[in-house]
């Protein structure tokens, strides 16, 4: 393998979950992975989301499926379909997060057990379930990537309930790396700076959070969708074959300063 070919995804086959619209991190990753030579199957939540996503994927000839990860059969069907069509899986990118607004906008100490549990199931445990389903189809090893945020490590105003959920997700990544490493499967969490996605729009005072990131970060700006996608897809290449179990920041350096 040449040094340059280690940095592409030619011949790789992957699944990207969580497309919602043109601002989705999942869309940026799916588009970038295909541009790097991968064959990609993407998923969105339901037919309502498909109306926003299909105009993006169709011109690229990208296979788009629906999957509600709160319906176990949906996720099983998606992975079975992807494995059947692609023959194997080399990478999986999980970009799904959700919490009930009533719990997200309130104090963590006031959160309902039901809302907390649903947020944890959708935003964290779904990655473990996805890994269990995909691992048997990753016979040549590969990479699994999920999305987190600085609020997992620091108490960020207005991030609320999602902070503990993302902290659990980052811990899950480390345990999955330990458990799947013998199979040659690498696992990472990518931690982007704030970016105006559909999921982020539910966070209270999100504009303030973005402005604080700009003021605090060494680069003095927000990151772009392409920058997040570049990091995420790099982790799926053979150039990153010696890396696993990490939370890797792409946030204009915001995490590194007080």
C-alpha atoms as a PDB file:
ATOM      1  CA  UNK A   1       0.000   0.000   0.000  1.00  0.00           C
ATOM      2  CA  UNK A   2       1.365   3.402  -0.957  1.00  0.00           C
ATOM      3  CA  UNK A   3       1.532   6.212   1.588  1.00  0.00           C
ATOM      4  CA  UNK A   4      -1.122   8.178  -0.293  1.00  0.00           C
ATOM      5  CA  UNK A   5      -3.559   5.261  -0.664  1.00  0.00           C
ATOM      6  CA  UNK A   6      -3.550   4.878   3.116  1.00  0.00           C
ATOM      7  CA  UNK A   7      -5.334   8.226   3.253  1.00  0.00           C
ATOM      8  CA  UNK A   8      -8.268   7.319   1.005  1.00  0.00           C
ATOM      9  CA  UNK A   9     -11.250   5.002   1.318  1.00  0.00           C
ATOM     10  CA  UNK A  10     -11.068   3.307  -2.080  1.00  0.00           C
ATOM     11  CA  UNK A  11     -12.542  -0.163  -1.846  1.00  0.00           C
ATOM     12  CA  UNK A  12     -13.975   0.514   1.615  1.00  0.00           C
ATOM     13  CA  UNK A  13     -17.642   0.014   2.397  1.00  0.00           C
ATOM     14  CA  UNK A  14     -19.491   1.785   5.150  1.00  0.00           C
ATOM     15  CA  UNK A  15     -22.688   2.799   6.870  1.00  0.00           C
ATOM     16  CA  UNK A  16     -23.450   6.355   8.027  1.00  0.00           C
ATOM     17  CA  UNK A  17     -26.409   6.936  10.355  1.00  0.00           C
ATOM     18  CA  UNK A  18     -28.157  10.181  11.259  1.00  0.00           C
ATOM     19  CA  UNK A  19     -28.723  12.270   8.132  1.00  0.00           C
ATOM     20  CA  UNK A  20     -31.362  14.964   8.650  1.00  0.00           C
ATOM     21  CA  UNK A  21     -30.574  17.777   6.209  1.00  0.00           C
ATOM     22  CA  UNK A  22     -27.684  19.534   4.481  1.00  0.00           C
ATOM     23  CA  UNK A  23     -26.318  20.762   7.825  1.00  0.00           C
ATOM     24  CA  UNK A  24     -26.062  17.286   9.384  1.00  0.00           C
ATOM     25  CA  UNK A  25     -22.654  16.050  10.484  1.00  0.00           C
ATOM     26  CA  UNK A  26     -23.737  12.658   9.164  1.00  0.00           C
ATOM     27  CA  UNK A  27     -24.342  14.167   5.721  1.00  0.00           C
ATOM     28  CA  UNK A  28     -20.920  15.785   5.712  1.00  0.00           C
ATOM     29  CA  UNK A  29     -19.328  12.448   6.627  1.00  0.00           C
ATOM     30  CA  UNK A  30     -21.304  10.425   4.079  1.00  0.00           C
ATOM     31  CA  UNK A  31     -20.490  12.891   1.293  1.00  0.00           C
ATOM     32  CA  UNK A  32     -16.802  12.990   2.224  1.00  0.00           C
ATOM     33  CA  UNK A  33     -16.489   9.201   2.537  1.00  0.00           C
ATOM     34  CA  UNK A  34     -17.949   8.726  -0.924  1.00  0.00           C
ATOM     35  CA  UNK A  35     -15.641  11.420  -2.351  1.00  0.00           C
ATOM     36  CA  UNK A  36     -12.715   9.467  -0.891  1.00  0.00           C
ATOM     37  CA  UNK A  37     -13.751   6.368  -2.815  1.00  0.00           C
ATOM     38  CA  UNK A  38     -15.976   4.501  -0.380  1.00  0.00           C
ATOM     39  CA  UNK A  39     -19.279   2.837  -1.162  1.00  0.00           C
ATOM     40  CA  UNK A  40     -21.709   4.319   1.347  1.00  0.00           C
ATOM     41  CA  UNK A  41     -25.158   3.432   2.588  1.00  0.00           C
ATOM     42  CA  UNK A  42     -26.749   6.251   4.595  1.00  0.00           C
ATOM     43  CA  UNK A  43     -29.771   6.391   6.869  1.00  0.00           C
ATOM     44  CA  UNK A  44     -32.277   8.981   8.027  1.00  0.00           C
ATOM     45  CA  UNK A  45     -34.977   8.738  10.686  1.00  0.00           C
ATOM     46  CA  UNK A  46     -38.152   8.303   8.641  1.00  0.00           C
ATOM     47  CA  UNK A  47     -39.993   9.273   5.464  1.00  0.00           C
ATOM     48  CA  UNK A  48     -40.445  12.850   6.729  1.00  0.00           C
ATOM     49  CA  UNK A  49     -36.659  13.191   7.017  1.00  0.00           C
ATOM     50  CA  UNK A  50     -36.209  11.478   3.652  1.00  0.00           C
ATOM     51  CA  UNK A  51     -37.895  14.444   1.981  1.00  0.00           C
ATOM     52  CA  UNK A  52     -35.009  16.651   3.159  1.00  0.00           C
ATOM     53  CA  UNK A  53     -32.200  14.141   2.692  1.00  0.00           C
ATOM     54  CA  UNK A  54     -32.988  12.410  -0.590  1.00  0.00           C
ATOM     55  CA  UNK A  55     -32.348  15.563  -2.688  1.00  0.00           C
ATOM     56  CA  UNK A  56     -28.798  15.417  -1.272  1.00  0.00           C
ATOM     57  CA  UNK A  57     -28.062  11.719  -1.667  1.00  0.00           C
ATOM     58  CA  UNK A  58     -29.889  11.025  -4.932  1.00  0.00           C
ATOM     59  CA  UNK A  59     -27.637  13.141  -7.210  1.00  0.00           C
ATOM     60  CA  UNK A  60     -24.654  11.207  -5.798  1.00  0.00           C
ATOM     61  CA  UNK A  61     -26.314   7.850  -6.332  1.00  0.00           C
ATOM     62  CA  UNK A  62     -25.978   7.202  -2.598  1.00  0.00           C
ATOM     63  CA  UNK A  63     -28.227   4.499  -1.162  1.00  0.00           C
ATOM     64  CA  UNK A  64     -30.541   6.032   1.468  1.00  0.00           C
ATOM     65  CA  UNK A  65     -32.536   3.969   3.958  1.00  0.00           C
ATOM     66  CA  UNK A  66     -34.772   4.904   6.889  1.00  0.00           C
ATOM     67  CA  UNK A  67     -34.010   3.757  10.431  1.00  0.00           C
ATOM     68  CA  UNK A  68     -35.526   4.714  13.777  1.00  0.00           C
ATOM     69  CA  UNK A  69     -33.036   3.359  16.285  1.00  0.00           C
ATOM     70  CA  UNK A  70     -35.755   3.299  18.971  1.00  0.00           C
ATOM     71  CA  UNK A  71     -37.290   0.481  16.960  1.00  0.00           C
ATOM     72  CA  UNK A  72     -34.851  -2.445  17.379  1.00  0.00           C
ATOM     73  CA  UNK A  73     -36.052  -4.184  14.229  1.00  0.00           C
ATOM     74  CA  UNK A  74     -35.281  -1.066  12.191  1.00  0.00           C
ATOM     75  CA  UNK A  75     -31.622  -1.129  13.188  1.00  0.00           C
ATOM     76  CA  UNK A  76     -31.349  -4.873  12.654  1.00  0.00           C
ATOM     77  CA  UNK A  77     -32.916  -4.532   9.213  1.00  0.00           C
ATOM     78  CA  UNK A  78     -30.616  -1.648   8.249  1.00  0.00           C
ATOM     79  CA  UNK A  79     -27.430  -3.481   9.197  1.00  0.00           C
ATOM     80  CA  UNK A  80     -28.608  -6.685   7.497  1.00  0.00           C
ATOM     81  CA  UNK A  81     -29.455  -4.723   4.346  1.00  0.00           C
ATOM     82  CA  UNK A  82     -26.111  -2.887   4.323  1.00  0.00           C
ATOM     83  CA  UNK A  83     -24.101  -6.046   4.928  1.00  0.00           C
ATOM     84  CA  UNK A  84     -26.045  -7.885   2.259  1.00  0.00           C
ATOM     85  CA  UNK A  85     -25.632  -5.196  -0.354  1.00  0.00           C
ATOM     86  CA  UNK A  86     -22.027  -4.252   0.420  1.00  0.00           C
ATOM     87  CA  UNK A  87     -20.761  -7.739   1.228  1.00  0.00           C
ATOM     88  CA  UNK A  88     -18.922  -6.486   4.317  1.00  0.00           C
ATOM     89  CA  UNK A  89     -18.530  -3.363   6.426  1.00  0.00           C
ATOM     90  CA  UNK A  90     -15.264  -1.467   6.878  1.00  0.00           C
ATOM     91  CA  UNK A  91     -16.533   1.559   8.775  1.00  0.00           C
ATOM     92  CA  UNK A  92     -19.609   2.803  10.609  1.00  0.00           C
ATOM     93  CA  UNK A  93     -20.313   6.433  11.529  1.00  0.00           C
ATOM     94  CA  UNK A  94     -22.981   7.044  14.186  1.00  0.00           C
ATOM     95  CA  UNK A  95     -24.218  10.639  14.395  1.00  0.00           C
ATOM     96  CA  UNK A  96     -27.429  10.393  16.374  1.00  0.00           C
ATOM     97  CA  UNK A  97     -28.384  12.331  19.512  1.00  0.00           C
ATOM     98  CA  UNK A  98     -31.718  13.228  21.044  1.00  0.00           C
ATOM     99  CA  UNK A  99     -33.312  14.154  24.355  1.00  0.00           C
ATOM    100  CA  UNK A 100     -36.844  15.278  25.255  1.00  0.00           C
ATOM    101  CA  UNK A 101     -36.951  19.086  25.198  1.00  0.00           C
ATOM    102  CA  UNK A 102     -38.538  19.307  28.638  1.00  0.00           C
ATOM    103  CA  UNK A 103     -35.575  17.450  30.129  1.00  0.00           C
ATOM    104  CA  UNK A 104     -32.963  19.084  27.897  1.00  0.00           C
ATOM    105  CA  UNK A 105     -34.052  22.631  28.776  1.00  0.00           C
ATOM    106  CA  UNK A 106     -34.387  22.005  32.483  1.00  0.00           C
ATOM    107  CA  UNK A 107     -31.833  21.388  35.203  1.00  0.00           C
ATOM    108  CA  UNK A 108     -30.162  17.984  35.242  1.00  0.00           C
ATOM    109  CA  UNK A 109     -31.366  17.471  38.816  1.00  0.00           C
ATOM    110  CA  UNK A 110     -34.944  18.021  37.624  1.00  0.00           C
ATOM    111  CA  UNK A 111     -34.735  15.608  34.684  1.00  0.00           C
ATOM    112  CA  UNK A 112     -37.249  12.788  34.580  1.00  0.00           C
ATOM    113  CA  UNK A 113     -36.023   9.224  34.800  1.00  0.00           C
ATOM    114  CA  UNK A 114     -37.976   8.460  31.622  1.00  0.00           C
ATOM    115  CA  UNK A 115     -36.444  11.358  29.692  1.00  0.00           C
ATOM    116  CA  UNK A 116     -32.951  10.575  30.959  1.00  0.00           C
ATOM    117  CA  UNK A 117     -33.342   6.935  29.978  1.00  0.00           C
ATOM    118  CA  UNK A 118     -34.592   7.774  26.478  1.00  0.00           C
ATOM    119  CA  UNK A 119     -31.761  10.250  25.917  1.00  0.00           C
ATOM    120  CA  UNK A 120     -29.249   7.621  27.037  1.00  0.00           C
ATOM    121  CA  UNK A 121     -30.815   4.923  24.858  1.00  0.00           C
ATOM    122  CA  UNK A 122     -30.949   7.039  21.696  1.00  0.00           C
ATOM    123  CA  UNK A 123     -27.703   8.979  22.073  1.00  0.00           C
ATOM    124  CA  UNK A 124     -25.445   6.413  23.763  1.00  0.00           C
ATOM    125  CA  UNK A 125     -26.643   2.825  23.982  1.00  0.00           C
ATOM    126  CA  UNK A 126     -27.668   2.807  20.319  1.00  0.00           C
ATOM    127  CA  UNK A 127     -23.941   2.956  19.468  1.00  0.00           C
ATOM    128  CA  UNK A 128     -23.328  -0.222  21.472  1.00  0.00           C
ATOM    129  CA  UNK A 129     -26.275  -1.936  19.777  1.00  0.00           C
ATOM    130  CA  UNK A 130     -25.027  -0.809  16.379  1.00  0.00           C
ATOM    131  CA  UNK A 131     -21.564  -2.170  17.152  1.00  0.00           C
ATOM    132  CA  UNK A 132     -22.953  -5.547  18.209  1.00  0.00           C
ATOM    133  CA  UNK A 133     -24.872  -5.819  14.941  1.00  0.00           C
ATOM    134  CA  UNK A 134     -22.051  -4.579  12.703  1.00  0.00           C
ATOM    135  CA  UNK A 135     -19.043  -6.348  14.231  1.00  0.00           C
ATOM    136  CA  UNK A 136     -19.825  -9.765  12.678  1.00  0.00           C
ATOM    137  CA  UNK A 137     -19.728  -8.101   9.249  1.00  0.00           C
ATOM    138  CA  UNK A 138     -16.380  -6.377   9.870  1.00  0.00           C
ATOM    139  CA  UNK A 139     -14.297  -9.483   9.246  1.00  0.00           C
ATOM    140  CA  UNK A 140     -11.325  -7.478   7.950  1.00  0.00           C
ATOM    141  CA  UNK A 141     -11.395  -5.109  10.914  1.00  0.00           C
ATOM    142  CA  UNK A 142     -12.393  -1.490  10.471  1.00  0.00           C
ATOM    143  CA  UNK A 143     -13.505   1.573  12.382  1.00  0.00           C
ATOM    144  CA  UNK A 144     -16.550   2.788  14.290  1.00  0.00           C
ATOM    145  CA  UNK A 145     -17.007   6.507  14.969  1.00  0.00           C
ATOM    146  CA  UNK A 146     -19.558   8.397  17.044  1.00  0.00           C
ATOM    147  CA  UNK A 147     -20.064  12.091  17.861  1.00  0.00           C
ATOM    148  CA  UNK A 148     -19.655  13.732  21.264  1.00  0.00           C
ATOM    149  CA  UNK A 149     -19.135  17.255  22.650  1.00  0.00           C
ATOM    150  CA  UNK A 150     -16.970  19.128  25.164  1.00  0.00           C
ATOM    151  CA  UNK A 151     -19.962  19.138  27.536  1.00  0.00           C
ATOM    152  CA  UNK A 152     -19.073  15.520  28.338  1.00  0.00           C
ATOM    153  CA  UNK A 153     -15.880  16.691  30.042  1.00  0.00           C
ATOM    154  CA  UNK A 154     -16.867  20.153  31.273  1.00  0.00           C
ATOM    155  CA  UNK A 155     -20.118  21.543  32.660  1.00  0.00           C
ATOM    156  CA  UNK A 156     -21.241  23.740  29.761  1.00  0.00           C
ATOM    157  CA  UNK A 157     -24.143  26.113  30.496  1.00  0.00           C
ATOM    158  CA  UNK A 158     -27.394  25.069  28.783  1.00  0.00           C
ATOM    159  CA  UNK A 159     -25.996  21.706  27.579  1.00  0.00           C
ATOM    160  CA  UNK A 160     -27.699  20.085  30.550  1.00  0.00           C
ATOM    161  CA  UNK A 161     -28.823  16.494  30.303  1.00  0.00           C
ATOM    162  CA  UNK A 162     -26.718  15.788  27.214  1.00  0.00           C
ATOM    163  CA  UNK A 163     -23.505  16.341  29.201  1.00  0.00           C
ATOM    164  CA  UNK A 164     -23.854  13.179  31.335  1.00  0.00           C
ATOM    165  CA  UNK A 165     -25.156  11.275  28.306  1.00  0.00           C
ATOM    166  CA  UNK A 166     -22.129  12.224  26.188  1.00  0.00           C
ATOM    167  CA  UNK A 167     -19.809  11.404  29.102  1.00  0.00           C
ATOM    168  CA  UNK A 168     -21.301   7.913  29.120  1.00  0.00           C
ATOM    169  CA  UNK A 169     -20.836   7.717  25.354  1.00  0.00           C
ATOM    170  CA  UNK A 170     -17.136   8.589  25.618  1.00  0.00           C
ATOM    171  CA  UNK A 171     -16.669   5.916  28.284  1.00  0.00           C
ATOM    172  CA  UNK A 172     -18.544   3.459  26.075  1.00  0.00           C
ATOM    173  CA  UNK A 173     -16.091   4.193  23.249  1.00  0.00           C
ATOM    174  CA  UNK A 174     -13.155   3.180  25.445  1.00  0.00           C
ATOM    175  CA  UNK A 175     -14.782  -0.077  26.511  1.00  0.00           C
ATOM    176  CA  UNK A 176     -15.819  -0.886  22.949  1.00  0.00           C
ATOM    177  CA  UNK A 177     -12.227  -0.248  21.812  1.00  0.00           C
ATOM    178  CA  UNK A 178     -11.013  -2.726  24.424  1.00  0.00           C
ATOM    179  CA  UNK A 179     -13.580  -5.366  23.529  1.00  0.00           C
ATOM    180  CA  UNK A 180     -13.445  -5.063  19.739  1.00  0.00           C
ATOM    181  CA  UNK A 181      -9.708  -4.469  19.397  1.00  0.00           C
ATOM    182  CA  UNK A 182      -8.869  -8.184  19.099  1.00  0.00           C
ATOM    183  CA  UNK A 183     -11.119  -8.252  16.017  1.00  0.00           C
ATOM    184  CA  UNK A 184      -9.155  -5.379  14.491  1.00  0.00           C
ATOM    185  CA  UNK A 185     -12.039  -2.937  14.990  1.00  0.00           C
ATOM    186  CA  UNK A 186     -11.061   0.572  16.113  1.00  0.00           C
ATOM    187  CA  UNK A 187     -13.514   2.834  17.949  1.00  0.00           C
ATOM    188  CA  UNK A 188     -13.429   6.618  18.347  1.00  0.00           C
ATOM    189  CA  UNK A 189     -15.513   9.573  19.476  1.00  0.00           C
ATOM    190  CA  UNK A 190     -15.146  12.763  17.457  1.00  0.00           C
ATOM    191  CA  UNK A 191     -15.839  15.913  19.485  1.00  0.00           C
ATOM    192  CA  UNK A 192     -16.763  18.842  17.224  1.00  0.00           C
ATOM    193  CA  UNK A 193     -17.188  22.404  18.332  1.00  0.00           C
ATOM    194  CA  UNK A 194     -20.747  23.754  18.203  1.00  0.00           C
ATOM    195  CA  UNK A 195     -22.242  23.690  14.737  1.00  0.00           C
ATOM    196  CA  UNK A 196     -25.814  24.563  13.859  1.00  0.00           C
ATOM    197  CA  UNK A 197     -27.327  21.145  13.144  1.00  0.00           C
ATOM    198  CA  UNK A 198     -30.955  20.169  13.623  1.00  0.00           C
ATOM    199  CA  UNK A 199     -30.088  18.366  16.870  1.00  0.00           C
ATOM    200  CA  UNK A 200     -28.152  21.372  18.178  1.00  0.00           C
ATOM    201  CA  UNK A 201     -31.069  23.691  17.495  1.00  0.00           C
ATOM    202  CA  UNK A 202     -32.885  22.089  20.429  1.00  0.00           C
ATOM    203  CA  UNK A 203     -30.225  23.270  22.889  1.00  0.00           C
ATOM    204  CA  UNK A 204     -31.250  26.381  24.806  1.00  0.00           C
ATOM    205  CA  UNK A 205     -29.191  29.549  24.100  1.00  0.00           C
ATOM    206  CA  UNK A 206     -27.237  27.768  21.377  1.00  0.00           C
ATOM    207  CA  UNK A 207     -26.305  31.078  19.723  1.00  0.00           C
ATOM    208  CA  UNK A 208     -24.647  32.118  22.980  1.00  0.00           C
ATOM    209  CA  UNK A 209     -22.755  28.823  23.116  1.00  0.00           C
ATOM    210  CA  UNK A 210     -21.408  29.389  19.591  1.00  0.00           C
ATOM    211  CA  UNK A 211     -20.334  32.939  20.392  1.00  0.00           C
ATOM    212  CA  UNK A 212     -18.546  31.747  23.534  1.00  0.00           C
ATOM    213  CA  UNK A 213     -16.706  29.132  21.452  1.00  0.00           C
ATOM    214  CA  UNK A 214     -15.553  31.811  18.987  1.00  0.00           C
ATOM    215  CA  UNK A 215     -14.337  34.051  21.821  1.00  0.00           C
ATOM    216  CA  UNK A 216     -12.548  31.236  23.660  1.00  0.00           C
ATOM    217  CA  UNK A 217     -10.988  29.179  20.864  1.00  0.00           C
ATOM    218  CA  UNK A 218      -7.371  29.825  19.774  1.00  0.00           C
ATOM    219  CA  UNK A 219      -8.472  29.937  16.131  1.00  0.00           C
ATOM    220  CA  UNK A 220     -11.161  32.480  16.973  1.00  0.00           C
ATOM    221  CA  UNK A 221     -13.889  30.813  14.945  1.00  0.00           C
ATOM    222  CA  UNK A 222     -16.251  27.872  14.666  1.00  0.00           C
ATOM    223  CA  UNK A 223     -15.337  24.757  12.736  1.00  0.00           C
ATOM    224  CA  UNK A 224     -17.034  23.783   9.491  1.00  0.00           C
ATOM    225  CA  UNK A 225     -19.002  20.724   8.513  1.00  0.00           C
ATOM    226  CA  UNK A 226     -16.211  19.748   6.125  1.00  0.00           C
ATOM    227  CA  UNK A 227     -13.588  19.958   8.875  1.00  0.00           C
ATOM    228  CA  UNK A 228     -15.620  17.582  11.053  1.00  0.00           C
ATOM    229  CA  UNK A 229     -16.113  15.226   8.124  1.00  0.00           C
ATOM    230  CA  UNK A 230     -12.412  15.279   7.230  1.00  0.00           C
ATOM    231  CA  UNK A 231     -11.428  14.136  10.715  1.00  0.00           C
ATOM    232  CA  UNK A 232     -14.171  11.516  10.925  1.00  0.00           C
ATOM    233  CA  UNK A 233     -13.339   9.947   7.580  1.00  0.00           C
ATOM    234  CA  UNK A 234      -9.580  10.094   8.235  1.00  0.00           C
ATOM    235  CA  UNK A 235     -10.171   7.865  11.270  1.00  0.00           C
ATOM    236  CA  UNK A 236     -11.785   5.323   8.957  1.00  0.00           C
ATOM    237  CA  UNK A 237      -8.740   5.151   6.663  1.00  0.00           C
ATOM    238  CA  UNK A 238      -5.769   2.826   6.988  1.00  0.00           C
ATOM    239  CA  UNK A 239      -3.655   5.874   7.837  1.00  0.00           C
ATOM    240  CA  UNK A 240      -5.297   5.814  11.296  1.00  0.00           C
ATOM    241  CA  UNK A 241      -4.803   2.061  11.790  1.00  0.00           C
ATOM    242  CA  UNK A 242      -2.769   2.500  14.981  1.00  0.00           C
ATOM    243  CA  UNK A 243      -5.377   4.610  16.761  1.00  0.00           C
ATOM    244  CA  UNK A 244      -8.334   3.494  18.871  1.00  0.00           C
ATOM    245  CA  UNK A 245     -10.317   4.367  21.989  1.00  0.00           C
ATOM    246  CA  UNK A 246      -9.863   8.112  21.689  1.00  0.00           C
ATOM    247  CA  UNK A 247     -12.009  11.217  21.973  1.00  0.00           C
ATOM    248  CA  UNK A 248     -10.590  13.515  19.310  1.00  0.00           C
ATOM    249  CA  UNK A 249     -11.486  17.201  19.217  1.00  0.00           C
ATOM    250  CA  UNK A 250     -12.162  19.311  16.147  1.00  0.00           C
ATOM    251  CA  UNK A 251     -13.270  22.517  17.836  1.00  0.00           C
ATOM    252  CA  UNK A 252     -10.807  25.235  16.792  1.00  0.00           C
ATOM    253  CA  UNK A 253      -8.843  24.428  19.972  1.00  0.00           C
ATOM    254  CA  UNK A 254     -11.594  25.419  22.396  1.00  0.00           C
ATOM    255  CA  UNK A 255     -11.061  22.329  24.585  1.00  0.00           C
ATOM    256  CA  UNK A 256      -7.413  23.233  25.189  1.00  0.00           C
ATOM    257  CA  UNK A 257      -7.931  26.586  26.921  1.00  0.00           C
ATOM    258  CA  UNK A 258      -9.692  27.720  30.091  1.00  0.00           C
END
